[in-house]
Amino acid sequence: MQEHEFVSAVQQSARIPDHEHAQRAVRATLTVLGQRLSTEAADLAAQLPGQLAGAVPTDGGVERFDLPEFYRRVAEAEGQGCTPEQARQHARAVTAALREAVGAEYLHVLDQLPDDYGDLTHTENAQH
């Protein structure tokens, strides 16, 4: 999957009106996700297409925060008056695109997240 295909998939899934806004949503989600992951962040970044890898912080410093805080941080990073509920919709679209783009690496990402992140990762009723 190419970068423009990834962003377009997010734009369509989340019904984001324009490509630039979808890019902001993708970058914001990847940045916050990278902050939540430990060593897996670098592996995830290596699997991402194009410039998207640069959005994932790979310094190894993991932050612990719950899912509502995840969505709040994504909303803040997106800017432009994005609400946490909009950020939730956008972030869920990004994780769905991630699942398609990085294949098995997605399972490693899931292993790094607590079970209460099921809403984000579309695994509410599944064990990972």
N, C-alpha and C. Protein backbone atom coordinates (compact mmCIF):
# COMPACT_ATOMS: atom_id res chain seq x y z
N MET A 1 0.85 -1.18 0.00
CA MET A 1 0.00 0.00 0.00
C MET A 1 0.89 1.24 0.00
N GLN A 2 0.62 2.14 -0.91
CA GLN A 2 1.36 3.40 -1.00
C GLN A 2 0.78 4.41 -0.01
N GLU A 3 1.56 5.46 0.28
CA GLU A 3 1.12 6.47 1.24
C GLU A 3 -0.21 7.10 0.82
N HIS A 4 -0.34 7.49 -0.44
CA HIS A 4 -1.58 8.14 -0.87
C HIS A 4 -2.78 7.19 -0.77
N GLU A 5 -2.55 5.89 -0.97
CA GLU A 5 -3.62 4.90 -0.82
C GLU A 5 -4.02 4.76 0.65
N PHE A 6 -3.03 4.79 1.53
CA PHE A 6 -3.28 4.70 2.96
C PHE A 6 -4.14 5.89 3.40
N VAL A 7 -3.72 7.10 3.03
CA VAL A 7 -4.44 8.31 3.43
C VAL A 7 -5.84 8.32 2.80
N SER A 8 -5.94 7.91 1.56
CA SER A 8 -7.25 7.87 0.89
C SER A 8 -8.19 6.87 1.56
N ALA A 9 -7.65 5.73 2.00
CA ALA A 9 -8.47 4.74 2.71
C ALA A 9 -9.01 5.33 4.01
N VAL A 10 -8.17 6.06 4.73
CA VAL A 10 -8.61 6.71 5.97
C VAL A 10 -9.65 7.78 5.65
N GLN A 11 -9.40 8.58 4.63
CA GLN A 11 -10.32 9.64 4.25
C GLN A 11 -11.71 9.07 3.94
N GLN A 12 -11.74 8.01 3.17
CA GLN A 12 -13.01 7.40 2.80
C GLN A 12 -13.69 6.75 4.00
N SER A 13 -12.95 5.98 4.77
CA SER A 13 -13.52 5.27 5.91
C SER A 13 -14.08 6.21 6.97
N ALA A 14 -13.34 7.28 7.25
CA ALA A 14 -13.75 8.23 8.30
C ALA A 14 -14.60 9.37 7.75
N ARG A 15 -14.83 9.36 6.44
CA ARG A 15 -15.62 10.41 5.78
C ARG A 15 -15.05 11.80 6.06
N ILE A 16 -13.75 11.90 5.89
CA ILE A 16 -13.06 13.18 6.06
C ILE A 16 -13.17 13.93 4.75
N PRO A 17 -13.55 15.21 4.79
CA PRO A 17 -13.88 15.92 3.55
C PRO A 17 -12.73 16.15 2.57
N ASP A 18 -11.50 16.28 3.05
CA ASP A 18 -10.42 16.53 2.09
C ASP A 18 -9.15 15.77 2.47
N HIS A 19 -8.29 15.60 1.47
CA HIS A 19 -7.07 14.80 1.62
C HIS A 19 -6.13 15.38 2.67
N GLU A 20 -6.00 16.70 2.70
CA GLU A 20 -5.10 17.35 3.66
C GLU A 20 -5.53 17.06 5.11
N HIS A 21 -6.82 17.14 5.35
CA HIS A 21 -7.34 16.85 6.69
C HIS A 21 -7.10 15.38 7.04
N ALA A 22 -7.29 14.50 6.06
CA ALA A 22 -7.03 13.07 6.28
C ALA A 22 -5.56 12.84 6.62
N GLN A 23 -4.66 13.55 5.95
CA GLN A 23 -3.23 13.43 6.26
C GLN A 23 -2.96 13.85 7.70
N ARG A 24 -3.59 14.94 8.15
CA ARG A 24 -3.42 15.39 9.54
C ARG A 24 -3.91 14.31 10.50
N ALA A 25 -5.05 13.71 10.19
CA ALA A 25 -5.61 12.66 11.05
C ALA A 25 -4.68 11.46 11.13
N VAL A 26 -4.12 11.06 10.00
CA VAL A 26 -3.20 9.93 9.96
C VAL A 26 -1.96 10.23 10.79
N ARG A 27 -1.35 11.39 10.55
CA ARG A 27 -0.12 11.74 11.26
C ARG A 27 -0.38 11.87 12.76
N ALA A 28 -1.48 12.50 13.13
CA ALA A 28 -1.81 12.67 14.55
C ALA A 28 -1.96 11.31 15.23
N THR A 29 -2.70 10.42 14.60
CA THR A 29 -2.92 9.09 15.19
C THR A 29 -1.62 8.31 15.30
N LEU A 30 -0.82 8.33 14.24
CA LEU A 30 0.45 7.60 14.28
C LEU A 30 1.39 8.16 15.34
N THR A 31 1.39 9.47 15.51
CA THR A 31 2.24 10.10 16.53
C THR A 31 1.83 9.64 17.93
N VAL A 32 0.53 9.72 18.21
CA VAL A 32 0.05 9.34 19.54
C VAL A 32 0.22 7.83 19.76
N LEU A 33 -0.03 7.04 18.73
CA LEU A 33 0.17 5.60 18.85
C LEU A 33 1.64 5.29 19.16
N GLY A 34 2.55 5.97 18.49
CA GLY A 34 3.97 5.78 18.74
C GLY A 34 4.37 6.13 20.16
N GLN A 35 3.71 7.15 20.73
CA GLN A 35 3.99 7.53 22.11
C GLN A 35 3.56 6.43 23.08
N ARG A 36 2.56 5.65 22.70
CA ARG A 36 2.01 4.61 23.57
C ARG A 36 2.75 3.28 23.45
N LEU A 37 3.47 3.09 22.33
CA LEU A 37 4.19 1.84 22.09
C LEU A 37 5.60 1.91 22.64
N SER A 38 6.18 0.77 22.94
CA SER A 38 7.58 0.75 23.37
C SER A 38 8.45 0.43 22.17
N THR A 39 9.19 -0.63 22.23
CA THR A 39 10.12 -0.98 21.15
C THR A 39 9.41 -1.25 19.83
N GLU A 40 8.15 -1.54 19.88
CA GLU A 40 7.38 -1.85 18.67
C GLU A 40 7.22 -0.64 17.76
N ALA A 41 7.38 0.57 18.28
CA ALA A 41 7.20 1.78 17.47
C ALA A 41 8.15 1.80 16.28
N ALA A 42 9.40 1.46 16.49
CA ALA A 42 10.38 1.47 15.40
C ALA A 42 10.04 0.41 14.35
N ASP A 43 9.58 -0.75 14.79
CA ASP A 43 9.19 -1.80 13.85
C ASP A 43 7.98 -1.37 13.03
N LEU A 44 7.02 -0.73 13.69
CA LEU A 44 5.85 -0.23 12.98
C LEU A 44 6.25 0.82 11.95
N ALA A 45 7.07 1.77 12.37
CA ALA A 45 7.52 2.84 11.46
C ALA A 45 8.19 2.26 10.22
N ALA A 46 8.97 1.22 10.40
CA ALA A 46 9.70 0.61 9.28
C ALA A 46 8.75 -0.02 8.26
N GLN A 47 7.55 -0.36 8.67
CA GLN A 47 6.58 -1.00 7.78
C GLN A 47 5.66 -0.01 7.07
N LEU A 48 5.68 1.25 7.49
CA LEU A 48 4.74 2.23 6.95
C LEU A 48 5.22 2.79 5.61
N PRO A 49 4.27 3.10 4.73
CA PRO A 49 4.64 3.62 3.41
C PRO A 49 5.06 5.09 3.45
N GLY A 50 5.96 5.45 2.55
CA GLY A 50 6.34 6.84 2.32
C GLY A 50 6.79 7.59 3.55
N GLN A 51 6.30 8.80 3.66
CA GLN A 51 6.68 9.71 4.75
C GLN A 51 5.96 9.41 6.06
N LEU A 52 5.04 8.47 6.05
CA LEU A 52 4.28 8.18 7.27
C LEU A 52 5.15 7.67 8.40
N ALA A 53 6.24 7.00 8.07
CA ALA A 53 7.14 6.48 9.10
C ALA A 53 7.64 7.59 10.01
N GLY A 54 7.86 8.77 9.46
CA GLY A 54 8.35 9.90 10.24
C GLY A 54 7.38 10.40 11.28
N ALA A 55 6.12 10.02 11.17
CA ALA A 55 5.12 10.47 12.15
C ALA A 55 5.17 9.66 13.44
N VAL A 56 5.81 8.50 13.40
CA VAL A 56 5.85 7.61 14.57
C VAL A 56 7.11 7.89 15.38
N PRO A 57 6.98 8.41 16.61
CA PRO A 57 8.17 8.60 17.44
C PRO A 57 8.78 7.24 17.81
N THR A 58 10.08 7.13 17.62
CA THR A 58 10.75 5.84 17.84
C THR A 58 11.87 5.95 18.87
N ASP A 59 11.77 6.92 19.76
CA ASP A 59 12.83 7.13 20.75
C ASP A 59 12.78 6.13 21.89
N GLY A 60 11.78 5.26 21.89
CA GLY A 60 11.71 4.22 22.91
C GLY A 60 11.06 4.65 24.21
N GLY A 61 10.69 5.91 24.33
CA GLY A 61 10.05 6.39 25.55
C GLY A 61 8.56 6.14 25.50
N VAL A 62 8.09 5.15 26.23
CA VAL A 62 6.67 4.80 26.21
C VAL A 62 5.93 5.58 27.28
N GLU A 63 4.77 6.10 26.91
CA GLU A 63 3.91 6.80 27.86
C GLU A 63 2.68 5.93 28.11
N ARG A 64 2.23 5.91 29.33
CA ARG A 64 1.04 5.14 29.68
C ARG A 64 -0.14 6.11 29.79
N PHE A 65 -1.16 5.90 28.99
CA PHE A 65 -2.38 6.69 29.10
C PHE A 65 -3.54 5.85 28.59
N ASP A 66 -4.74 6.17 29.11
CA ASP A 66 -5.91 5.38 28.75
C ASP A 66 -6.47 5.80 27.39
N LEU A 67 -7.48 5.09 26.95
CA LEU A 67 -8.03 5.33 25.62
C LEU A 67 -8.67 6.71 25.47
N PRO A 68 -9.46 7.20 26.45
CA PRO A 68 -9.98 8.56 26.30
C PRO A 68 -8.87 9.60 26.15
N GLU A 69 -7.77 9.41 26.87
CA GLU A 69 -6.63 10.32 26.73
C GLU A 69 -6.00 10.16 25.34
N PHE A 70 -5.95 8.96 24.81
CA PHE A 70 -5.45 8.73 23.46
C PHE A 70 -6.24 9.58 22.48
N TYR A 71 -7.57 9.49 22.55
CA TYR A 71 -8.42 10.25 21.63
C TYR A 71 -8.26 11.75 21.85
N ARG A 72 -8.12 12.18 23.10
CA ARG A 72 -7.93 13.60 23.38
C ARG A 72 -6.64 14.10 22.74
N ARG A 73 -5.57 13.31 22.85
CA ARG A 73 -4.28 13.68 22.28
C ARG A 73 -4.33 13.72 20.75
N VAL A 74 -5.04 12.77 20.16
CA VAL A 74 -5.19 12.78 18.70
C VAL A 74 -5.93 14.04 18.28
N ALA A 75 -7.01 14.38 18.98
CA ALA A 75 -7.77 15.59 18.66
C ALA A 75 -6.89 16.82 18.75
N GLU A 76 -6.10 16.90 19.80
CA GLU A 76 -5.20 18.04 19.99
C GLU A 76 -4.16 18.10 18.87
N ALA A 77 -3.60 16.97 18.51
CA ALA A 77 -2.58 16.93 17.45
C ALA A 77 -3.18 17.27 16.09
N GLU A 78 -4.41 16.87 15.85
CA GLU A 78 -5.07 17.21 14.58
C GLU A 78 -5.34 18.70 14.49
N GLY A 79 -5.71 19.30 15.62
CA GLY A 79 -6.01 20.72 15.61
C GLY A 79 -7.29 21.02 14.85
N GLN A 80 -7.41 22.24 14.38
CA GLN A 80 -8.55 22.66 13.56
C GLN A 80 -9.89 22.36 14.22
N GLY A 81 -9.95 22.44 15.55
CA GLY A 81 -11.20 22.24 16.27
C GLY A 81 -11.68 20.80 16.32
N CYS A 82 -10.79 19.85 16.10
CA CYS A 82 -11.16 18.44 16.15
C CYS A 82 -11.58 18.06 17.57
N THR A 83 -12.71 17.39 17.69
CA THR A 83 -13.19 16.93 18.99
C THR A 83 -12.67 15.52 19.27
N PRO A 84 -12.67 15.10 20.52
CA PRO A 84 -12.27 13.72 20.82
C PRO A 84 -13.14 12.68 20.08
N GLU A 85 -14.42 12.95 19.90
CA GLU A 85 -15.28 12.00 19.17
C GLU A 85 -14.88 11.91 17.70
N GLN A 86 -14.56 13.05 17.09
CA GLN A 86 -14.07 13.03 15.71
C GLN A 86 -12.73 12.30 15.65
N ALA A 87 -11.87 12.59 16.63
CA ALA A 87 -10.56 11.93 16.68
C ALA A 87 -10.73 10.42 16.81
N ARG A 88 -11.72 9.98 17.58
CA ARG A 88 -12.00 8.54 17.71
C ARG A 88 -12.32 7.95 16.35
N GLN A 89 -13.20 8.59 15.61
CA GLN A 89 -13.58 8.10 14.28
C GLN A 89 -12.36 8.05 13.36
N HIS A 90 -11.56 9.10 13.39
CA HIS A 90 -10.37 9.16 12.54
C HIS A 90 -9.35 8.09 12.94
N ALA A 91 -9.10 7.97 14.25
CA ALA A 91 -8.10 7.01 14.73
C ALA A 91 -8.52 5.57 14.42
N ARG A 92 -9.80 5.28 14.53
CA ARG A 92 -10.28 3.94 14.18
C ARG A 92 -10.07 3.66 12.70
N ALA A 93 -10.26 4.67 11.86
CA ALA A 93 -10.01 4.50 10.42
C ALA A 93 -8.52 4.27 10.16
N VAL A 94 -7.67 4.96 10.91
CA VAL A 94 -6.22 4.78 10.75
C VAL A 94 -5.82 3.37 11.16
N THR A 95 -6.34 2.88 12.28
CA THR A 95 -5.94 1.53 12.70
C THR A 95 -6.47 0.47 11.73
N ALA A 96 -7.62 0.71 11.12
CA ALA A 96 -8.13 -0.23 10.11
C ALA A 96 -7.20 -0.24 8.90
N ALA A 97 -6.73 0.93 8.49
CA ALA A 97 -5.79 1.01 7.37
C ALA A 97 -4.45 0.38 7.75
N LEU A 98 -4.03 0.56 8.99
CA LEU A 98 -2.79 -0.05 9.47
C LEU A 98 -2.85 -1.57 9.36
N ARG A 99 -3.97 -2.12 9.75
CA ARG A 99 -4.15 -3.57 9.70
C ARG A 99 -3.91 -4.07 8.28
N GLU A 100 -4.40 -3.33 7.29
CA GLU A 100 -4.22 -3.72 5.89
C GLU A 100 -2.79 -3.46 5.41
N ALA A 101 -2.20 -2.36 5.86
CA ALA A 101 -0.90 -1.93 5.32
C ALA A 101 0.29 -2.69 5.88
N VAL A 102 0.23 -3.06 7.15
CA VAL A 102 1.42 -3.65 7.77
C VAL A 102 1.28 -5.14 8.10
N GLY A 103 0.15 -5.71 7.80
CA GLY A 103 -0.03 -7.16 7.96
C GLY A 103 0.24 -7.65 9.37
N ALA A 104 1.13 -8.63 9.48
CA ALA A 104 1.43 -9.28 10.75
C ALA A 104 1.98 -8.32 11.80
N GLU A 105 2.61 -7.25 11.38
CA GLU A 105 3.13 -6.25 12.32
C GLU A 105 2.00 -5.68 13.19
N TYR A 106 0.80 -5.63 12.64
CA TYR A 106 -0.35 -5.12 13.38
C TYR A 106 -0.59 -5.94 14.64
N LEU A 107 -0.37 -7.24 14.57
CA LEU A 107 -0.55 -8.09 15.74
C LEU A 107 0.45 -7.73 16.84
N HIS A 108 1.65 -7.35 16.46
CA HIS A 108 2.66 -6.92 17.44
C HIS A 108 2.23 -5.60 18.10
N VAL A 109 1.63 -4.72 17.31
CA VAL A 109 1.11 -3.47 17.86
C VAL A 109 0.02 -3.79 18.89
N LEU A 110 -0.90 -4.67 18.53
CA LEU A 110 -1.97 -5.05 19.46
C LEU A 110 -1.42 -5.58 20.78
N ASP A 111 -0.35 -6.36 20.70
CA ASP A 111 0.25 -6.92 21.90
C ASP A 111 0.79 -5.85 22.84
N GLN A 112 1.12 -4.69 22.31
CA GLN A 112 1.68 -3.60 23.12
C GLN A 112 0.60 -2.74 23.78
N LEU A 113 -0.64 -2.92 23.35
CA LEU A 113 -1.72 -2.07 23.87
C LEU A 113 -2.55 -2.83 24.90
N PRO A 114 -3.04 -2.11 25.92
CA PRO A 114 -3.88 -2.78 26.91
C PRO A 114 -5.22 -3.19 26.30
N ASP A 115 -5.89 -4.13 26.94
CA ASP A 115 -7.16 -4.64 26.44
C ASP A 115 -8.22 -3.55 26.28
N ASP A 116 -8.16 -2.50 27.11
CA ASP A 116 -9.18 -1.46 27.00
C ASP A 116 -9.04 -0.61 25.74
N TYR A 117 -8.04 -0.88 24.91
CA TYR A 117 -7.89 -0.19 23.63
C TYR A 117 -8.66 -0.89 22.52
N GLY A 118 -9.48 -1.88 22.87
CA GLY A 118 -10.24 -2.64 21.88
C GLY A 118 -11.10 -1.78 20.99
N ASP A 119 -11.64 -0.68 21.51
CA ASP A 119 -12.45 0.21 20.68
C ASP A 119 -11.63 0.80 19.54
N LEU A 120 -10.40 1.15 19.82
CA LEU A 120 -9.50 1.71 18.80
C LEU A 120 -9.10 0.66 17.77
N THR A 121 -8.81 -0.53 18.24
CA THR A 121 -8.22 -1.55 17.37
C THR A 121 -9.24 -2.52 16.78
N HIS A 122 -10.52 -2.24 17.03
CA HIS A 122 -11.59 -3.08 16.49
C HIS A 122 -11.52 -4.50 17.04
N THR A 123 -11.08 -4.62 18.29
CA THR A 123 -10.97 -5.94 18.93
C THR A 123 -11.72 -5.97 20.25
N GLU A 124 -12.82 -5.23 20.33
CA GLU A 124 -13.57 -5.12 21.59
C GLU A 124 -13.91 -6.48 22.18
N ASN A 125 -14.27 -7.43 21.34
CA ASN A 125 -14.72 -8.73 21.84
C ASN A 125 -13.71 -9.84 21.60
N ALA A 126 -12.51 -9.48 21.23
CA ALA A 126 -11.49 -10.49 20.94
C ALA A 126 -10.34 -10.36 21.92
N GLN A 127 -9.69 -11.45 22.16
CA GLN A 127 -8.48 -11.44 22.98
C GLN A 127 -7.29 -11.32 22.04
N HIS A 128 -6.29 -10.55 22.45
CA HIS A 128 -5.07 -10.50 21.63
C HIS A 128 -3.86 -10.79 22.46
